[in-house]
């Protein structure tokens, strides 16, 4: 049963005071999406942690739950709201402690799963696709809460234990051994399992950390996913600073060194044409594209990697949002990024919102918000993706991550 977490008074007060900054229709939409987050996605478990469903799929993704909760930190959080976000962070830590290579988890040890891909798969694990962004977004939520509110109850022994585990596994996956992770899924789309007989494409050491799957849950073509590594680098740098505050000297040192290694490796990938690639393998192969799911190249400023006006980012962004990019689609009314994860010419609200969130020009941000509103298929809801020719054709009736990314953009525009 979802929705047993009461919306804090600080959120109600913030929304009430937003009347002057947002139009009535936008405020109503923001209020409804925030209400639905509390009423339909959050469940307080017996241990005090909070489980977050991603929307119409009854499982909790580490990545999705982070981006669902982060906009709440823009709402003048009080202690009650900080505790709620902290309880989600503590649930993420518990899950990663069970299986750091899993991307999605069940509310209980029910054995429910999208597909049981491993004989020894934990009954807590809904899906065991190793996605590097699960680690970076776990750090993102925990660190953002502390940095922005000084709340620290979630930075407990379990948190630091998981941080140690992540750092150790990062070192392992910098030198990825193909025999340690094999993902085969029979009778499934090609993007749903690893190539090369389930081991993924060969890689060579770069300093980056290997990932089997993208934030889309689709497989990586080449094993070093640039946006996820960029996000990991920035969150590790922040972890290093926070760890000092808690006298975690060894964690601080290791996180700082790893962050610097990843940063140098990423910067070396842009030497040839001045744009960020999406994936590389360390063997000379490079994939230039982007996917709507976050971490993405479009989102790099929001990930703390660079500023919105960094020259390499701007060159990348301009290319991504052009017809030269095969995953960019546009019609007379809409434009955005498509994905192998959904039908052709279905653009994702996540990418539209991220275009607005990274826009330097206010008019571009306003246009992105308008496209989100016009692209809801007259349902009032944010979807995973929708047809660029007919928004009433869409995937996933309810995608809470997209809801809250709309909220983030609407709040940005209120003060832009």
Protein backbone atom coordinates (compact mmCIF):
# COMPACT_ATOMS: atom_id res chain seq x y z
CA UNK A 1 0.00 0.00 0.00
CA UNK A 2 1.64 3.22 -1.17
CA UNK A 3 1.03 6.72 0.11
CA UNK A 4 1.29 6.47 3.89
CA UNK A 5 3.70 9.40 4.16
CA UNK A 6 2.02 12.70 4.98
CA UNK A 7 3.06 15.76 3.02
CA UNK A 8 4.99 18.10 5.32
CA UNK A 9 3.58 21.49 6.18
CA UNK A 10 6.70 23.15 4.73
CA UNK A 11 5.76 21.80 1.30
CA UNK A 12 2.18 23.03 1.64
CA UNK A 13 3.46 26.46 2.71
CA UNK A 14 5.92 26.61 -0.17
CA UNK A 15 3.25 25.77 -2.72
CA UNK A 16 0.86 28.29 -1.20
CA UNK A 17 3.51 30.99 -1.48
CA UNK A 18 4.24 30.07 -5.11
CA UNK A 19 1.02 31.68 -6.34
CA UNK A 20 2.88 34.88 -7.21
CA UNK A 21 5.54 33.08 -9.25
CA UNK A 22 3.48 30.48 -11.15
CA UNK A 23 0.33 30.75 -13.21
CA UNK A 24 -2.73 29.07 -11.73
CA UNK A 25 -2.64 26.19 -14.21
CA UNK A 26 1.05 25.52 -13.60
CA UNK A 27 0.73 25.77 -9.85
CA UNK A 28 -2.18 23.33 -9.99
CA UNK A 29 -0.09 20.89 -12.03
CA UNK A 30 2.92 21.20 -9.71
CA UNK A 31 0.68 20.75 -6.66
CA UNK A 32 -0.96 17.68 -8.15
CA UNK A 33 2.35 16.05 -9.07
CA UNK A 34 3.78 16.68 -5.60
CA UNK A 35 0.58 15.38 -3.99
CA UNK A 36 0.76 12.24 -6.11
CA UNK A 37 4.38 11.71 -5.07
CA UNK A 38 3.34 11.57 -1.43
CA UNK A 39 -0.03 9.89 -1.90
CA UNK A 40 0.92 7.18 -4.37
CA UNK A 41 4.68 6.54 -4.41
CA UNK A 42 5.97 6.75 -0.82
CA UNK A 43 5.58 3.95 1.71
CA UNK A 44 7.03 4.08 5.22
CA UNK A 45 8.41 0.64 6.07
CA UNK A 46 8.64 -0.93 9.52
CA UNK A 47 12.30 0.08 9.91
CA UNK A 48 11.42 3.73 9.33
CA UNK A 49 12.88 3.92 5.83
CA UNK A 50 10.75 4.95 2.86
CA UNK A 51 10.17 2.88 -0.28
CA UNK A 52 9.50 4.82 -3.51
CA UNK A 53 7.76 3.28 -6.51
CA UNK A 54 8.80 4.70 -9.87
CA UNK A 55 5.19 5.15 -10.97
CA UNK A 56 3.08 2.49 -12.67
CA UNK A 57 5.77 -0.16 -12.05
CA UNK A 58 5.67 -1.29 -8.39
CA UNK A 59 9.43 -1.27 -7.85
CA UNK A 60 12.02 1.21 -6.57
CA UNK A 61 14.88 2.20 -8.84
CA UNK A 62 17.83 3.79 -7.06
CA UNK A 63 18.17 6.28 -9.92
CA UNK A 64 14.50 7.15 -10.34
CA UNK A 65 13.87 7.61 -6.63
CA UNK A 66 16.71 10.11 -6.36
CA UNK A 67 15.38 12.31 -9.15
CA UNK A 68 11.85 11.95 -7.78
CA UNK A 69 12.89 13.31 -4.38
CA UNK A 70 15.46 15.99 -5.28
CA UNK A 71 12.97 18.72 -6.33
CA UNK A 72 11.61 18.65 -2.77
CA UNK A 73 14.90 20.18 -1.64
CA UNK A 74 13.95 23.30 -3.62
CA UNK A 75 10.89 23.77 -1.37
CA UNK A 76 12.50 25.34 1.71
CA UNK A 77 12.71 21.98 3.50
CA UNK A 78 12.11 21.86 7.23
CA UNK A 79 13.21 19.06 9.57
CA UNK A 80 10.15 16.95 8.73
CA UNK A 81 10.82 17.06 5.00
CA UNK A 82 14.54 16.46 5.51
CA UNK A 83 13.69 13.35 7.54
CA UNK A 84 11.50 12.04 4.71
CA UNK A 85 14.22 12.51 2.11
CA UNK A 86 16.70 11.00 4.54
CA UNK A 87 14.47 7.96 5.00
CA UNK A 88 14.52 7.41 1.22
CA UNK A 89 18.30 7.70 1.23
CA UNK A 90 18.54 5.16 4.04
CA UNK A 91 16.33 2.75 2.06
CA UNK A 92 18.63 3.16 -0.95
CA UNK A 93 21.61 2.31 1.25
CA UNK A 94 19.87 -0.79 2.58
CA UNK A 95 19.15 -1.96 -0.96
CA UNK A 96 22.68 -1.38 -2.26
CA UNK A 97 23.96 -3.25 0.78
CA UNK A 98 21.90 -6.24 -0.36
CA UNK A 99 23.15 -6.12 -3.96
CA UNK A 100 25.22 -3.17 -5.28
CA UNK A 101 24.89 -4.49 -8.84
CA UNK A 102 21.09 -4.30 -8.87
CA UNK A 103 19.17 -1.36 -10.30
CA UNK A 104 15.65 -1.94 -8.94
CA UNK A 105 14.22 -3.47 -5.77
CA UNK A 106 11.01 -4.80 -4.22
CA UNK A 107 9.22 -3.36 -1.21
CA UNK A 108 9.77 -6.67 0.58
CA UNK A 109 11.71 -9.88 -0.06
CA UNK A 110 8.82 -11.08 -2.22
CA UNK A 111 10.84 -12.48 -5.10
CA UNK A 112 8.93 -10.28 -7.52
CA UNK A 113 11.00 -9.35 -10.55
CA UNK A 114 10.91 -8.03 -14.06
CA UNK A 115 12.88 -11.15 -14.97
CA UNK A 116 14.99 -13.49 -12.88
CA UNK A 117 18.28 -13.28 -14.73
CA UNK A 118 20.54 -14.80 -12.04
CA UNK A 119 20.11 -18.11 -10.23
CA UNK A 120 21.16 -16.54 -6.94
CA UNK A 121 19.19 -13.31 -7.45
CA UNK A 122 18.03 -11.92 -4.10
CA UNK A 123 14.26 -11.95 -3.49
CA UNK A 124 14.64 -8.22 -2.77
CA UNK A 125 15.90 -7.57 -6.31
CA UNK A 126 13.37 -6.60 -8.95
CA UNK A 127 16.05 -6.33 -11.64
CA UNK A 128 19.80 -6.88 -11.55
CA UNK A 129 21.14 -4.73 -14.35
CA UNK A 130 24.41 -3.12 -13.32
CA UNK A 131 24.00 0.57 -14.05
CA UNK A 132 26.75 2.85 -12.81
CA UNK A 133 24.26 5.65 -12.21
CA UNK A 134 22.74 3.64 -9.35
CA UNK A 135 25.89 4.44 -7.38
CA UNK A 136 26.18 8.09 -8.43
CA UNK A 137 22.52 8.87 -7.79
CA UNK A 138 22.66 7.20 -4.37
CA UNK A 139 25.47 9.61 -3.51
CA UNK A 140 23.60 12.50 -5.15
CA UNK A 141 20.56 12.23 -2.89
CA UNK A 142 22.45 11.63 0.34
CA UNK A 143 24.97 14.41 -0.24
CA UNK A 144 22.45 16.94 -1.56
CA UNK A 145 20.31 16.51 1.53
CA UNK A 146 23.25 17.14 3.84
CA UNK A 147 24.76 19.98 1.81
CA UNK A 148 21.48 21.87 1.51
CA UNK A 149 19.94 21.30 4.94
CA UNK A 150 22.76 20.08 7.25
CA UNK A 151 20.53 17.09 8.08
CA UNK A 152 22.81 14.11 8.69
CA UNK A 153 20.83 11.29 10.33
CA UNK A 154 21.01 9.31 7.09
CA UNK A 155 24.82 9.51 7.04
CA UNK A 156 25.00 6.63 9.47
CA UNK A 157 27.18 3.53 9.68
CA UNK A 158 25.23 1.85 6.88
CA UNK A 159 25.81 4.82 4.59
CA UNK A 160 29.56 4.81 5.16
CA UNK A 161 29.70 1.05 4.77
CA UNK A 162 27.99 1.31 1.38
CA UNK A 163 30.32 4.15 0.40
CA UNK A 164 33.30 1.91 1.16
CA UNK A 165 31.69 -0.86 -0.87
CA UNK A 166 31.10 1.48 -3.83
CA UNK A 167 34.70 2.73 -3.74
CA UNK A 168 36.04 -0.82 -3.66
CA UNK A 169 33.81 -1.88 -6.56
CA UNK A 170 34.73 1.20 -8.57
CA UNK A 171 38.35 0.08 -8.38
CA UNK A 172 37.26 -3.39 -9.49
CA UNK A 173 35.25 -2.05 -12.42
CA UNK A 174 37.99 0.30 -13.54
CA UNK A 175 39.75 -2.96 -14.41
CA UNK A 176 36.66 -4.84 -15.50
CA UNK A 177 36.96 -8.61 -15.67
CA UNK A 178 34.30 -9.86 -18.13
CA UNK A 179 33.94 -13.15 -16.28
CA UNK A 180 32.58 -11.43 -13.16
CA UNK A 181 29.29 -10.17 -14.66
CA UNK A 182 27.33 -11.88 -17.39
CA UNK A 183 23.81 -10.84 -18.40
CA UNK A 184 21.78 -13.00 -20.74
CA UNK A 185 18.02 -12.66 -21.21
CA UNK A 186 16.42 -15.07 -23.64
CA UNK A 187 13.67 -14.05 -26.06
CA UNK A 188 14.24 -10.38 -25.27
CA UNK A 189 15.02 -7.29 -27.37
CA UNK A 190 18.68 -6.92 -28.27
CA UNK A 191 19.12 -3.90 -25.99
CA UNK A 192 17.89 -5.93 -23.01
CA UNK A 193 20.99 -8.11 -22.61
CA UNK A 194 24.74 -7.78 -23.06
CA UNK A 195 26.46 -8.47 -26.36
CA UNK A 196 29.37 -10.86 -26.83
CA UNK A 197 27.55 -13.83 -25.33
CA UNK A 198 26.37 -11.83 -22.34
CA UNK A 199 29.74 -10.38 -21.31
CA UNK A 200 29.52 -7.05 -23.18
CA UNK A 201 31.96 -5.55 -25.64
CA UNK A 202 35.66 -5.74 -24.75
CA UNK A 203 37.17 -2.73 -22.97
CA UNK A 204 40.63 -1.50 -22.00
CA UNK A 205 41.59 0.51 -18.94
CA UNK A 206 40.86 4.24 -19.20
CA UNK A 207 40.46 5.32 -15.58
CA UNK A 208 36.68 5.36 -15.95
CA UNK A 209 34.35 2.83 -14.32
CA UNK A 210 32.67 0.15 -16.44
CA UNK A 211 28.89 -0.07 -16.66
CA UNK A 212 26.83 -2.86 -18.18
CA UNK A 213 23.67 -0.86 -18.79
CA UNK A 214 22.63 2.73 -19.43
CA UNK A 215 20.23 4.82 -17.31
CA UNK A 216 17.57 3.73 -19.83
CA UNK A 217 18.04 0.13 -18.63
CA UNK A 218 19.30 -0.63 -22.16
CA UNK A 219 22.73 -2.20 -22.57
CA UNK A 220 25.82 -0.14 -23.17
CA UNK A 221 27.30 -0.57 -26.64
CA UNK A 222 30.72 0.33 -25.22
CA UNK A 223 31.41 -0.17 -21.54
CA UNK A 224 32.40 3.31 -20.38
CA UNK A 225 29.28 5.44 -20.14
CA UNK A 226 30.43 9.06 -20.15
CA UNK A 227 27.44 10.79 -18.45
CA UNK A 228 27.34 8.24 -15.61
CA UNK A 229 31.09 8.54 -15.12
CA UNK A 230 30.84 12.34 -15.13
CA UNK A 231 28.14 12.19 -12.48
CA UNK A 232 30.15 9.69 -10.46
CA UNK A 233 33.18 11.96 -10.61
CA UNK A 234 31.27 14.96 -9.28
CA UNK A 235 29.53 13.04 -6.52
CA UNK A 236 32.80 11.41 -5.45
CA UNK A 237 34.39 14.85 -5.20
CA UNK A 238 31.52 15.97 -2.99
CA UNK A 239 31.75 12.77 -0.97
CA UNK A 240 35.42 13.48 -0.36
CA UNK A 241 34.58 16.89 1.11
CA UNK A 242 31.70 15.60 3.26
CA UNK A 243 33.71 12.62 4.52
CA UNK A 244 36.24 15.01 6.08
CA UNK A 245 33.43 16.52 8.14
CA UNK A 246 32.74 13.08 9.59
CA UNK A 247 36.41 12.16 10.09
CA UNK A 248 36.28 9.55 7.33
CA UNK A 249 39.80 10.32 6.15
CA UNK A 250 40.40 7.17 4.11
CA UNK A 251 37.07 7.46 2.30
CA UNK A 252 37.79 11.10 1.56
CA UNK A 253 41.22 10.31 0.13
CA UNK A 254 40.05 7.38 -1.98
CA UNK A 255 37.00 9.25 -3.31
CA UNK A 256 39.13 12.25 -4.26
CA UNK A 257 41.70 10.13 -6.10
CA UNK A 258 39.03 8.20 -7.98
CA UNK A 259 37.19 11.39 -8.92
CA UNK A 260 40.36 12.86 -10.38
CA UNK A 261 41.14 9.68 -12.36
CA UNK A 262 37.66 9.64 -13.88
CA UNK A 263 37.78 13.35 -14.67
CA UNK A 264 41.08 13.05 -16.51
CA UNK A 265 39.81 10.06 -18.46
CA UNK A 266 36.66 11.87 -19.57
CA UNK A 267 38.52 15.00 -20.59
CA UNK A 268 40.83 12.92 -22.78
CA UNK A 269 37.80 11.71 -24.79
CA UNK A 270 36.96 15.18 -26.11
CA UNK A 271 40.39 15.93 -27.56
CA UNK A 272 39.53 14.94 -31.13
CA UNK A 273 36.39 16.87 -32.10
CA UNK A 274 35.50 19.08 -29.14
CA UNK A 275 32.32 17.18 -28.19
CA UNK A 276 31.56 14.76 -25.39
CA UNK A 277 30.94 11.20 -26.59
CA UNK A 278 28.24 9.07 -25.01
CA UNK A 279 30.24 5.82 -24.68
CA UNK A 280 33.80 4.67 -25.31
CA UNK A 281 35.64 1.39 -24.83
CA UNK A 282 39.28 2.43 -24.37
CA UNK A 283 40.14 0.56 -27.56
CA UNK A 284 39.49 3.40 -29.97
CA UNK A 285 35.73 2.98 -30.44
CA UNK A 286 33.50 5.97 -29.68
CA UNK A 287 29.72 6.41 -29.78
CA UNK A 288 28.34 9.91 -30.33
CA UNK A 289 24.70 10.13 -29.25
CA UNK A 290 22.60 10.84 -26.19
CA UNK A 291 19.67 9.18 -24.47
CA UNK A 292 16.84 11.01 -22.68
CA UNK A 293 17.40 9.19 -19.40
CA UNK A 294 19.53 10.93 -16.80
CA UNK A 295 22.54 10.96 -16.35
CA UNK A 296 22.80 12.19 -19.93
CA UNK A 297 25.13 14.44 -21.86
CA UNK A 298 22.38 17.05 -22.05
CA UNK A 299 22.21 17.00 -18.24
CA UNK A 300 25.94 17.53 -17.60
CA UNK A 301 25.51 20.97 -15.95
CA UNK A 302 22.76 19.61 -13.70
CA UNK A 303 25.11 16.80 -12.73
CA UNK A 304 27.67 19.33 -11.53
CA UNK A 305 30.15 18.44 -14.27
CA UNK A 306 30.30 21.83 -15.99
CA UNK A 307 28.53 25.15 -16.40
CA UNK A 308 25.79 25.73 -18.95
CA UNK A 309 28.14 27.91 -21.02
CA UNK A 310 31.19 25.63 -21.08
CA UNK A 311 32.35 25.53 -24.70
CA UNK A 312 32.61 21.73 -24.99
CA UNK A 313 29.19 21.29 -23.41
CA UNK A 314 27.63 23.92 -25.69
CA UNK A 315 29.12 22.26 -28.76
CA UNK A 316 27.75 18.92 -27.55
CA UNK A 317 24.34 20.37 -26.67
CA UNK A 318 23.95 22.17 -30.00
CA UNK A 319 24.75 18.95 -31.87
CA UNK A 320 22.44 16.84 -29.70
CA UNK A 321 19.51 19.21 -30.30
CA UNK A 322 19.98 19.23 -34.07
CA UNK A 323 19.01 17.05 -36.99
CA UNK A 324 22.60 15.82 -37.17
CA UNK A 325 21.83 13.71 -34.09
CA UNK A 326 19.92 10.57 -35.05
CA UNK A 327 18.17 10.43 -31.66
CA UNK A 328 16.74 13.95 -32.02
CA UNK A 329 13.25 14.28 -33.46
CA UNK A 330 11.04 17.26 -34.17
CA UNK A 331 7.70 18.17 -35.67
CA UNK A 332 5.83 21.45 -36.03
CA UNK A 333 4.82 21.27 -32.37
CA UNK A 334 7.46 19.26 -30.50
CA UNK A 335 11.12 18.38 -30.36
CA UNK A 336 13.18 16.18 -28.08
CA UNK A 337 15.31 13.10 -27.74
CA UNK A 338 14.18 9.60 -28.60
CA UNK A 339 15.49 6.31 -27.21
CA UNK A 340 16.03 2.72 -28.27
CA UNK A 341 13.95 1.90 -25.19
CA UNK A 342 10.72 3.15 -26.80
CA UNK A 343 9.16 3.24 -30.29
CA UNK A 344 10.67 5.35 -33.08
CA UNK A 345 9.78 9.05 -33.03
CA UNK A 346 8.58 8.90 -29.43
CA UNK A 347 10.24 11.76 -27.56
CA UNK A 348 10.76 11.78 -23.80
CA UNK A 349 9.48 14.48 -21.41
CA UNK A 350 12.69 13.93 -19.42
CA UNK A 351 14.74 15.27 -22.34
CA UNK A 352 12.39 18.19 -22.93
CA UNK A 353 12.56 19.14 -19.26
CA UNK A 354 16.34 18.79 -19.23
CA UNK A 355 16.61 21.09 -22.24
CA UNK A 356 14.72 23.66 -20.22
CA UNK A 357 16.73 23.06 -17.06
CA UNK A 358 20.03 23.58 -18.92
CA UNK A 359 18.86 26.51 -21.04
CA UNK A 360 20.70 29.81 -20.73
CA UNK A 361 17.89 31.60 -22.54
CA UNK A 362 14.64 31.98 -20.59
CA UNK A 363 12.52 31.73 -23.74
CA UNK A 364 14.00 28.30 -24.49
CA UNK A 365 13.13 27.15 -20.96
CA UNK A 366 9.57 28.47 -21.31
CA UNK A 367 9.15 26.68 -24.62
CA UNK A 368 10.31 23.42 -23.01
CA UNK A 369 7.72 23.79 -20.24
CA UNK A 370 5.01 24.49 -22.81
CA UNK A 371 5.97 21.38 -24.79
CA UNK A 372 5.67 19.29 -21.64
CA UNK A 373 2.20 20.65 -21.00
CA UNK A 374 1.07 20.28 -24.61
CA UNK A 375 2.57 16.79 -24.82
CA UNK A 376 0.56 15.21 -22.02
CA UNK A 377 -2.01 13.81 -24.47
CA UNK A 378 -4.80 15.74 -22.72
CA UNK A 379 -4.32 13.46 -19.72
CA UNK A 380 -2.74 15.99 -17.40
CA UNK A 381 -0.01 13.43 -16.73
CA UNK A 382 3.65 13.17 -17.63
CA UNK A 383 4.52 10.01 -19.54
CA UNK A 384 7.70 8.09 -20.29
CA UNK A 385 7.54 9.07 -23.97
CA UNK A 386 4.98 10.20 -26.53
CA UNK A 387 4.61 10.21 -30.30
CA UNK A 388 5.93 13.38 -31.85
CA UNK A 389 2.97 13.28 -34.25
CA UNK A 390 0.25 12.48 -31.70
CA UNK A 391 0.83 12.99 -27.96
CA UNK A 392 -2.18 10.80 -27.18
CA UNK A 393 0.01 7.87 -28.19
CA UNK A 394 2.44 7.37 -25.33
CA UNK A 395 4.29 4.83 -23.18
CA UNK A 396 3.61 4.42 -19.45
CA UNK A 397 0.47 6.16 -18.18
CA UNK A 398 2.30 7.42 -15.10
CA UNK A 399 6.00 8.10 -14.73
CA UNK A 400 6.69 9.85 -11.42
CA UNK A 401 10.24 10.76 -12.41
CA UNK A 402 8.84 12.79 -15.33
CA UNK A 403 6.28 14.39 -13.00
CA UNK A 404 8.99 15.66 -10.69
CA UNK A 405 11.27 16.80 -13.51
CA UNK A 406 8.39 18.97 -14.70
CA UNK A 407 8.18 20.31 -11.14
CA UNK A 408 11.91 21.08 -11.15
CA UNK A 409 11.62 23.05 -14.40
CA UNK A 410 8.50 24.93 -13.29
CA UNK A 411 10.25 25.97 -10.07
CA UNK A 412 13.34 27.07 -12.01
CA UNK A 413 11.26 29.26 -14.27
CA UNK A 414 9.57 30.84 -11.27
CA UNK A 415 12.89 32.47 -10.40
CA UNK A 416 14.64 32.51 -13.82
